[in-house]
Protein backbone atom coordinates (compact mmCIF):
# COMPACT_ATOMS: atom_id res chain seq x y z
CA MET A 1 4.28 -18.81 -14.86
CA TRP A 2 8.07 -18.65 -14.65
CA TYR A 3 8.06 -17.08 -11.18
CA MET A 4 5.91 -19.78 -9.57
CA ASN A 5 7.12 -22.75 -7.55
CA GLU A 6 5.38 -25.31 -5.38
CA ASN A 7 5.48 -23.25 -2.19
CA ARG A 8 4.31 -20.07 -3.93
CA GLU A 9 1.47 -21.98 -5.55
CA LEU A 10 0.27 -23.20 -2.16
CA ILE A 11 0.33 -19.68 -0.73
CA ARG A 12 -1.33 -18.31 -3.89
CA ASP A 13 -4.12 -20.87 -3.59
CA SER A 14 -4.63 -19.90 0.06
CA ALA A 15 -4.79 -16.20 -0.84
CA ARG A 16 -7.17 -16.90 -3.73
CA GLU A 17 -9.49 -18.93 -1.53
CA PHE A 18 -9.48 -16.16 1.09
CA ALA A 19 -10.25 -13.54 -1.54
CA GLN A 20 -12.97 -15.42 -3.40
CA LYS A 21 -14.73 -17.12 -0.49
CA GLU A 22 -14.33 -14.65 2.35
CA LEU A 23 -13.79 -11.24 0.74
CA ALA A 24 -15.92 -11.41 -2.41
CA PRO A 25 -19.25 -11.82 -0.57
CA VAL A 26 -18.62 -8.60 1.41
CA ALA A 27 -16.55 -6.60 -1.10
CA LEU A 28 -19.34 -4.21 -2.11
CA GLU A 29 -20.33 -3.74 1.53
CA MET A 30 -16.73 -2.91 2.40
CA ASP A 31 -16.56 -0.36 -0.42
CA ALA A 32 -19.80 1.30 0.69
CA SER A 33 -18.36 2.09 4.11
CA GLU A 34 -15.43 4.12 5.41
CA ASP A 35 -15.12 1.66 8.28
CA PHE A 36 -11.86 -0.26 8.42
CA PRO A 37 -12.39 -3.95 7.45
CA LEU A 38 -11.13 -5.14 10.83
CA ALA A 39 -12.49 -8.71 10.68
CA GLN A 40 -10.98 -9.29 7.24
CA PHE A 41 -7.69 -7.71 8.31
CA LYS A 42 -7.48 -9.96 11.36
CA ARG A 43 -8.28 -12.97 9.19
CA ALA A 44 -5.42 -12.02 6.87
CA GLY A 45 -3.20 -12.07 9.95
CA GLU A 46 -4.40 -15.55 10.92
CA LEU A 47 -3.45 -16.76 7.44
CA GLY A 48 0.02 -15.25 7.73
CA PHE A 49 -0.50 -12.55 5.12
CA LEU A 50 0.46 -9.69 7.46
CA GLY A 51 3.93 -11.07 8.08
CA ILE A 52 4.95 -12.50 4.72
CA THR A 53 8.39 -10.91 4.57
CA MET A 54 8.89 -10.56 8.33
CA PRO A 55 11.54 -12.91 9.76
CA GLN A 56 10.30 -16.09 11.43
CA GLU A 57 12.22 -14.97 14.51
CA TYR A 58 9.65 -12.22 14.94
CA GLY A 59 6.59 -14.30 14.08
CA GLY A 60 6.58 -13.76 10.33
CA MET A 61 6.48 -16.18 7.41
CA GLY A 62 10.06 -15.37 6.38
CA ALA A 63 9.08 -15.57 2.72
CA ASP A 64 10.38 -13.49 -0.19
CA TYR A 65 8.97 -10.42 -1.91
CA THR A 66 7.72 -12.38 -4.91
CA THR A 67 5.45 -14.32 -2.55
CA LEU A 68 4.23 -11.00 -1.16
CA ALA A 69 3.38 -9.82 -4.69
CA ILE A 70 1.45 -13.01 -5.44
CA VAL A 71 -0.69 -12.62 -2.31
CA TYR A 72 -1.39 -8.93 -2.95
CA GLU A 73 -2.35 -9.63 -6.57
CA GLU A 74 -4.96 -12.19 -5.51
CA ILE A 75 -6.48 -10.03 -2.76
CA ALA A 76 -6.55 -6.94 -5.00
CA LYS A 77 -8.76 -8.78 -7.50
CA VAL A 78 -11.51 -8.52 -4.91
CA ALA A 79 -10.61 -5.97 -2.20
CA PRO A 80 -7.82 -3.54 -3.15
CA THR A 81 -8.38 -1.38 -0.09
CA LEU A 82 -7.55 -4.27 2.22
CA CYS A 83 -4.14 -4.37 0.52
CA VAL A 84 -3.73 -0.67 1.33
CA GLY A 85 -4.26 -1.33 5.04
CA MET A 86 -1.98 -4.36 4.92
CA GLY A 87 0.77 -2.38 3.20
CA ALA A 88 0.58 0.53 5.63
CA HIS A 89 0.81 -1.97 8.48
CA SER A 90 3.34 -4.55 7.28
CA ILE A 91 5.46 -2.64 4.79
CA LEU A 92 5.49 1.08 5.52
CA ALA A 93 5.46 0.85 9.32
CA GLY A 94 6.50 -2.76 9.87
CA GLU A 95 9.54 -2.76 7.62
CA LEU A 96 10.71 0.56 9.05
CA ILE A 97 10.81 -1.11 12.46
CA MET A 98 12.38 -4.22 10.95
CA LEU A 99 15.13 -2.20 9.26
CA LEU A 100 16.04 0.22 12.05
CA GLY A 101 14.38 -0.91 15.25
CA SER A 102 16.09 -2.46 18.25
CA ASP A 103 15.51 -6.12 19.08
CA GLU A 104 13.31 -4.99 21.96
CA LEU A 105 11.09 -2.91 19.64
CA LYS A 106 10.90 -5.73 17.10
CA ARG A 107 9.73 -8.21 19.71
CA LYS A 108 7.27 -5.74 21.20
CA TYR A 109 5.71 -4.54 17.93
CA LEU A 110 6.69 -6.76 14.98
CA ALA A 111 5.87 -10.11 16.52
CA PRO A 112 2.22 -9.24 17.32
CA ALA A 113 1.95 -7.26 14.06
CA ALA A 114 2.83 -10.36 12.02
CA THR A 115 -0.30 -12.12 13.28
CA GLY A 116 -2.58 -9.08 13.39
CA GLU A 117 -2.68 -8.99 17.18
CA LYS A 118 -1.34 -5.43 16.94
CA ILE A 119 -2.07 -3.05 14.06
CA LEU A 120 0.58 -0.58 12.93
CA ALA A 121 0.40 2.70 11.02
CA CYS A 122 2.92 5.23 9.75
CA ALA A 123 2.36 8.98 10.15
CA GLN A 124 4.52 11.05 7.85
CA THR A 125 2.59 13.36 5.50
CA GLU A 126 1.99 16.98 6.54
CA GLY A 127 0.02 19.82 5.03
CA VAL A 128 3.12 21.13 3.25
CA GLY A 129 3.45 17.84 1.38
CA ALA A 130 4.62 14.26 1.85
CA MET A 131 8.06 14.86 0.36
CA ASN A 132 8.63 18.46 1.41
CA HIS A 133 10.60 17.30 4.44
CA GLU A 134 12.45 20.55 5.07
CA GLU A 135 9.16 22.30 5.87
CA TRP A 136 7.69 19.66 8.15
CA SER A 137 6.68 21.11 11.52
CA CYS A 138 5.69 18.08 13.62
CA ARG A 139 8.53 18.21 16.11
CA ALA A 140 9.86 15.96 18.89
CA VAL A 141 11.89 17.73 21.59
CA GLU A 142 14.09 15.83 24.03
CA ASP A 143 13.13 16.15 27.69
CA GLY A 144 15.12 13.89 30.00
CA ASP A 145 14.35 10.28 29.11
CA ASP A 146 11.44 11.27 26.89
CA PHE A 147 10.46 13.03 23.69
CA ILE A 148 7.64 15.55 23.72
CA ILE A 149 5.85 15.63 20.38
CA ASN A 150 3.75 18.50 19.03
CA GLY A 151 2.31 18.83 15.55
CA THR A 152 -0.05 17.31 13.03
CA LYS A 153 0.10 14.57 10.40
CA ILE A 154 -2.50 14.13 7.68
CA PHE A 155 -3.74 11.29 5.46
CA CYS A 156 -2.61 8.65 7.95
CA SER A 157 -4.01 5.22 7.02
CA ASN A 158 -5.22 2.70 9.65
CA LEU A 159 -6.26 5.66 11.80
CA LYS A 160 -8.10 4.81 15.03
CA VAL A 161 -7.61 1.06 14.53
CA ALA A 162 -3.81 1.15 14.89
CA ASP A 163 -2.35 0.11 18.23
CA ALA A 164 0.85 2.02 17.49
CA TYR A 165 1.97 4.73 15.06
CA VAL A 166 5.48 5.14 13.66
CA VAL A 167 5.70 8.93 13.53
CA LEU A 168 8.29 10.85 11.49
CA CYS A 169 9.23 13.93 13.53
CA VAL A 170 11.69 16.77 13.13
CA THR A 171 14.30 16.40 15.90
CA SER A 172 16.87 19.02 14.93
CA ASP A 173 16.96 22.72 14.16
CA HIS A 174 17.58 22.03 10.49
CA VAL A 175 16.61 19.24 8.08
CA ASP A 176 19.34 18.71 5.51
CA PRO A 177 17.73 18.97 2.04
CA VAL A 178 20.19 16.45 0.59
CA THR A 179 20.81 13.81 3.28
CA LYS A 180 17.44 14.38 5.01
CA GLN A 181 19.20 14.15 8.37
CA GLY A 182 17.18 15.74 11.16
CA ILE A 183 14.02 13.62 11.01
CA SER A 184 13.50 10.73 13.43
CA ALA A 185 11.09 7.80 13.55
CA ILE A 186 9.40 7.38 16.92
CA ILE A 187 6.77 4.81 17.91
CA VAL A 188 3.76 6.28 19.68
CA ASP A 189 1.26 3.89 21.26
CA ALA A 190 -2.34 4.71 20.45
CA ASP A 191 -3.30 5.18 24.09
CA THR A 192 -0.56 7.74 24.78
CA PRO A 193 -1.94 10.95 26.35
CA GLY A 194 -1.71 13.89 23.96
CA LEU A 195 -2.39 11.84 20.81
CA PHE A 196 -5.67 12.71 19.05
CA CYS A 197 -7.30 11.14 15.98
CA GLY A 198 -9.52 13.17 13.68
CA ASP A 199 -12.49 11.98 11.63
CA TYR A 200 -12.05 9.73 8.61
CA GLU A 201 -11.70 11.45 5.27
CA GLN A 202 -14.58 10.83 2.84
CA LYS A 203 -12.64 9.89 -0.29
CA LEU A 204 -13.30 9.05 -3.93
CA GLY A 205 -11.82 5.60 -3.43
CA TRP A 206 -9.87 3.47 -0.97
CA HIS A 207 -13.00 3.32 1.17
CA GLY A 208 -12.15 1.61 4.43
CA SER A 209 -8.48 2.59 4.42
CA ALA A 210 -9.33 4.60 7.55
CA SER A 211 -7.33 7.70 6.68
CA GLY A 212 -7.38 11.01 8.48
CA THR A 213 -5.52 13.45 10.70
CA LEU A 214 -3.31 12.60 13.66
CA SER A 215 -2.48 15.39 16.13
CA PHE A 216 0.00 15.60 18.99
CA VAL A 217 -0.26 18.02 21.90
CA ASP A 218 2.58 17.69 24.42
CA CYS A 219 2.60 13.97 23.71
CA ARG A 220 5.28 12.38 25.90
CA VAL A 221 7.00 9.25 24.57
CA PRO A 222 10.01 7.38 26.06
CA LYS A 223 13.28 7.66 24.15
CA THR A 224 13.39 3.87 23.99
CA ASN A 225 10.67 4.15 21.30
CA LEU A 226 13.12 5.81 18.91
CA VAL A 227 13.45 3.67 15.77
CA GLY A 228 17.01 3.83 14.49
CA PRO A 229 19.45 6.69 15.00
CA LEU A 230 18.34 10.13 16.14
CA GLY A 231 17.81 12.23 13.02
CA GLY A 232 18.12 9.21 10.72
CA GLY A 233 14.52 8.04 10.38
CA LEU A 234 14.22 8.86 6.70
CA ILE A 235 17.00 6.39 5.88
CA GLY A 236 14.69 3.52 6.73
CA LEU A 237 11.61 5.23 5.35
CA MET A 238 13.30 5.52 1.95
CA THR A 239 13.42 1.73 1.82
CA SER A 240 10.07 0.90 3.44
CA ALA A 241 8.28 3.52 1.33
CA THR A 242 9.91 2.11 -1.82
CA ASN A 243 8.71 -1.36 -0.86
CA GLU A 244 5.21 -0.02 -0.34
CA PHE A 245 5.35 1.68 -3.74
CA MET A 246 6.31 -1.70 -5.16
CA THR A 247 3.15 -3.33 -3.82
CA CYS A 248 1.13 -0.99 -6.04
CA GLY A 249 2.40 -3.09 -8.95
CA PRO A 250 0.68 -6.36 -8.00
CA ILE A 251 -2.29 -4.45 -6.56
CA GLY A 252 -2.78 -2.62 -9.87
CA LEU A 253 -2.30 -5.89 -11.75
CA GLY A 254 -4.95 -7.65 -9.69
CA MET A 255 -7.41 -4.79 -10.12
CA ALA A 256 -6.85 -4.76 -13.89
CA GLU A 257 -7.31 -8.54 -14.13
CA ALA A 258 -10.57 -8.35 -12.20
CA CYS A 259 -11.95 -5.65 -14.50
CA TYR A 260 -10.81 -7.47 -17.64
CA ASP A 261 -12.38 -10.77 -16.57
CA ALA A 262 -15.69 -9.15 -15.61
CA ALA A 263 -15.85 -7.15 -18.85
CA TYR A 264 -14.97 -10.20 -20.97
CA GLU A 265 -17.67 -12.31 -19.35
CA TYR A 266 -20.18 -9.50 -19.90
CA ALA A 267 -19.12 -8.95 -23.53
CA LEU A 268 -19.72 -12.63 -24.29
CA SER A 269 -23.10 -12.81 -22.53
CA ARG A 270 -24.57 -9.44 -23.67
CA VAL A 271 -26.40 -10.06 -26.95
CA GLN A 272 -27.26 -7.39 -29.51
CA LYS A 273 -28.60 -8.13 -33.01
CA GLY A 274 -28.27 -11.84 -32.42
CA LYS A 275 -24.57 -11.75 -31.48
CA SER A 276 -22.54 -11.07 -28.38
CA LEU A 277 -20.88 -7.69 -27.97
CA TYR A 278 -17.54 -9.40 -28.49
CA ASP A 279 -18.57 -11.06 -31.76
CA ASN A 280 -20.58 -8.13 -33.04
CA TYR A 281 -18.18 -5.21 -32.67
CA GLN A 282 -14.58 -5.03 -33.79
CA VAL A 283 -13.99 -2.00 -31.57
CA VAL A 284 -14.88 -4.09 -28.51
CA ARG A 285 -12.54 -6.90 -29.54
CA HIS A 286 -9.71 -4.41 -30.03
CA MET A 287 -10.37 -2.94 -26.59
CA PHE A 288 -9.77 -6.38 -25.11
CA VAL A 289 -6.56 -6.81 -27.09
CA ASP A 290 -5.24 -3.50 -25.75
CA MET A 291 -6.29 -4.32 -22.18
CA TRP A 292 -4.72 -7.77 -22.37
CA GLY A 293 -1.50 -6.28 -23.67
CA GLN A 294 -1.32 -3.77 -20.83
CA ILE A 295 -2.01 -6.49 -18.25
CA GLU A 296 0.64 -8.86 -19.58
CA ALA A 297 3.23 -6.06 -19.78
CA MET A 298 2.37 -5.17 -16.19
CA ARG A 299 2.72 -8.78 -15.08
CA ALA A 300 6.17 -9.01 -16.69
CA LEU A 301 7.26 -5.77 -14.98
CA VAL A 302 5.91 -6.77 -11.58
CA TYR A 303 7.56 -10.14 -11.31
CA SER A 304 10.84 -9.14 -12.91
CA VAL A 305 11.23 -6.26 -10.44
CA PHE A 306 10.19 -8.38 -7.46
CA SER A 307 12.72 -10.98 -8.60
CA GLU A 308 15.40 -8.27 -8.51
CA LYS A 309 14.22 -7.32 -5.04
CA ASP A 310 14.66 -10.91 -3.89
CA GLU A 311 18.21 -10.80 -5.27
CA GLY A 312 18.98 -7.98 -2.85
CA LYS A 313 18.55 -4.88 -5.02
CA LEU A 314 16.93 -1.81 -3.48
CA CYS A 315 14.88 -1.14 -6.64
CA LEU A 316 14.57 2.56 -5.74
CA ALA A 317 13.66 3.69 -9.26
CA LYS A 318 11.83 0.57 -10.40
CA GLY A 319 9.92 0.45 -7.13
CA ARG A 320 8.55 3.89 -7.91
CA LEU A 321 7.86 2.85 -11.48
CA MET A 322 5.72 0.04 -10.12
CA LYS A 323 3.37 2.52 -8.46
CA ILE A 324 3.24 4.65 -11.61
CA GLN A 325 2.46 1.70 -13.88
CA GLY A 326 0.22 -0.07 -11.38
CA ALA A 327 -2.06 2.94 -11.00
CA THR A 328 -1.96 3.78 -14.71
CA VAL A 329 -2.76 0.28 -15.97
CA ALA A 330 -5.46 -0.33 -13.36
CA GLU A 331 -7.15 3.00 -14.16
CA TYR A 332 -6.96 2.35 -17.91
CA VAL A 333 -8.39 -1.18 -17.79
CA ALA A 334 -11.09 -0.18 -15.29
CA ARG A 335 -12.10 2.75 -17.51
CA GLN A 336 -12.29 0.50 -20.58
CA ALA A 337 -14.31 -2.08 -18.65
CA ILE A 338 -16.79 0.60 -17.60
CA GLN A 339 -17.17 1.60 -21.26
CA ILE A 340 -17.88 -1.99 -22.26
CA PHE A 341 -20.51 -2.35 -19.54
CA GLY A 342 -22.06 0.94 -20.69
CA GLY A 343 -24.68 2.33 -18.35
CA LEU A 344 -24.32 -0.63 -16.03
CA GLY A 345 -20.64 0.17 -15.62
CA VAL A 346 -21.35 3.22 -13.48
CA VAL A 347 -23.84 1.40 -11.26
CA ASN A 348 -22.28 0.65 -7.89
CA GLU A 349 -23.85 -2.79 -7.54
CA MET A 350 -21.99 -4.04 -10.61
CA GLY A 351 -18.74 -3.69 -8.72
CA ILE A 352 -16.70 -2.29 -11.65
CA GLU A 353 -16.55 1.45 -11.05
CA ARG A 354 -15.03 0.94 -7.59
CA PHE A 355 -11.84 -0.33 -9.20
CA TRP A 356 -11.57 2.86 -11.25
CA ARG A 357 -12.06 4.96 -8.11
CA ASP A 358 -9.42 2.99 -6.21
CA ALA A 359 -6.97 3.27 -9.12
CA LYS A 360 -7.46 7.03 -9.25
CA VAL A 361 -6.68 7.37 -5.55
CA MET A 362 -3.64 5.12 -5.98
CA ALA A 363 -2.28 7.68 -8.45
CA ILE A 364 -2.18 10.25 -5.62
CA GLY A 365 -2.22 8.54 -2.22
CA GLY A 366 1.16 7.92 -0.60
CA ALA A 367 2.97 9.84 -3.33
CA SER A 368 1.62 11.33 -6.54
CA LEU A 369 2.77 9.86 -9.84
CA GLU A 370 4.25 13.23 -10.75
CA ALA A 371 6.39 13.32 -7.60
CA LEU A 372 7.56 9.76 -8.24
CA ARG A 373 8.50 10.59 -11.83
CA ASP A 374 10.59 13.48 -10.53
CA ASP A 375 12.27 11.11 -8.06
CA ILE A 376 13.10 8.71 -10.89
CA ALA A 377 14.41 11.54 -13.06
CA ARG A 378 16.89 12.48 -10.33
CA MET A 379 17.95 8.85 -9.98
CA ILE A 380 18.54 8.58 -13.73
CA ALA A 381 20.62 11.75 -13.66
CA GLY A 382 22.68 10.29 -10.83
CA GLY A 383 23.07 6.87 -12.43
CA MET A 384 20.99 5.23 -9.69
CA GLN A 385 18.20 3.80 -11.83
CA ASP A 386 19.53 0.22 -11.69
CA LYS A 387 20.29 0.16 -7.95
C-alpha cells in the first residue's frame, strides 16, 4: 500500500496481533455486555495505542494521523466498540486538552492518559441536541477561584470508568450562534462532589461504550481546570470532534473488511447442488464485486484524507465525510454479508450481525449523518471544503 512504510508496518503488525490474539477470543463476550472493556482498554494503553498522536513530551508515541488510522482499522476488524472508547478518550477529550490546555493540565491529564493510567471522557451533548449549542443549559458560574456547575449531559461515552471528564459548559449570558463564543471546556475529576453518573444506556450497538447521563449539582471545580480561554471551548472542540469523526473512516473500513472476509470464506465453503455459493450463483459473485468496490473506494478516501491531515490541513469537511462514508460503507457491507450468510447471519454467535448494529449506531452517535451533511453544505457554500 502506498501509505505504508517500515515504521507503520511494525505498528500495524502490533495492532493486528493485539486484535487477533487478544481481542478476537473475547469479542463476542464484549458485545454481549454493556460493561466497558477495561482490561482490553488498559492493554491498548500498554501498547501505546492510546497516545498515538500525543507528543512524546507528554508520554505519547508522537506518531502521525495515518498511523492512528492504521491502528484503528486493525482493531475495528475485531472490536469496533473498543475504538469508540479509545477515540472518546484520546481524540475527543485528549486532543481538546492537547490543543487548548495549559502545560500543567497536559502533564496532569495527558501524560497518564497516553498510557491508560487515567481514562478521559468528553461531556457535550444535551437533550436539545449535540449541535444546538445556543440552547444548552449546563452552566458553569464563576465563584471566587472556582466554577460551580449545574446541569445535565447525555450520551457521554466512557461513563463511570473515566477518571476525568472534559465538560462543555455555558459560561456567559449568551452563546453567539456564529462564533459559538460563550461555551467553555472545564475538566471535572470523577470524584468531585456534585458529579453523578446515571445508568448505562441499553443500545442497539456499541455495546461496552459505557454511555449514559452525567449530572452536576452545585459541582465546584477550580478555575485552573479551565481548558483554553473562557468562552472559547468550542474552538478546540471543532478540531478534536473533526478528528474523532475522521476515525470513523478507518473504523468503518475495518468493519467492512471483516464482514467481507467472513462472507467470502462462507460463500466458498457453503455447498449447494455440488458447488459453493460463490461458484453457483452469479448474484452472490456480483455482491462481492460491489462490496469490494465500496471497500477499496473507502480505503482510498481514508488514507488520502489522513495524508492531508498529516500535511497540516484541518480537513473540516472531509473529516465529516469520513464519518458519513465510514458508517455508510460499513452498514452496506455488513448488510450484504448477513444476506449471504442467510439465516446464520442473524445469529449472534456467528459474529456478523454485530457489525451491522455497530455501523447503524455510528450513523447517529456523536453526530448524525444528516447533521454532518448540513455542516459540509455550509462549508461548501463558504468555500471551506478544501481547508
